[in-house]
């Protein structure tokens, strides 16, 4: 029997709709729809390797980064209760510590201040660990506790724009560089939220971010790795 591609697509869409409807039923305790997410916390960046700073070749130099801050705001859509697609953006800021490149005692890196604005799209899994009871019988306290807890993991990719200011000096001159560059980025995150009301969840989150190296005028970096520990909020409509 010959099966057409439109037919297969139609069957797939019907099956997906049926699965979503079944999962969203009271028996499964599901909830689909739009929601808003936000988080804010401390941003830790691993030592960053630089190839050049303000036009000076510093290949092999790794610069220590002070802890900074990051805030993120996003919107998500739970197309089935356990799975969501999320669009996020935010801003992070970190500065370097004063240092001198190995083998170049005449150059002092006084400061490197970088702001990052990422825009990403990703997929998040929030498993239902304690589904709604199938009857009106009072559930046990342990199940009540689990119904309020919402663990999740997610991952995604997108772009990030770096805005940087760099200052270095030698015995003979002061070197400065500033500008912006947009690079590829991806992330992975995990967290746990808790029901405060029927619409609001609060919790904690860890996010790993990877950014391709940037080139801002005559300053070029290697790839950047960041770790963010934050407080998280989710508002469900």
Foldseek 3Di string as FASTA:
>chain_A
DDDDPVNVVVVVVVVLVVVQVVCCDLQNQFDWFKKKKKKKFKKAWQFWAWQFALQHGLHPFTWHKDIWMKMKIKMWTGSHRFKIKIKMKIKIKIKTPWDDRPPGVQKIWHMKIKMKIWIKIKMKGWDQPQGRDPDPDDDDPVSVQSRFKTKMKMKIWGKMKMWMWTWMGGPVDIGIFTDMFMWIKMKMKIWMWGDPDPFKTKTKMKMKMKTAWGDGPNITIGIMIMITIIIMMMGHD
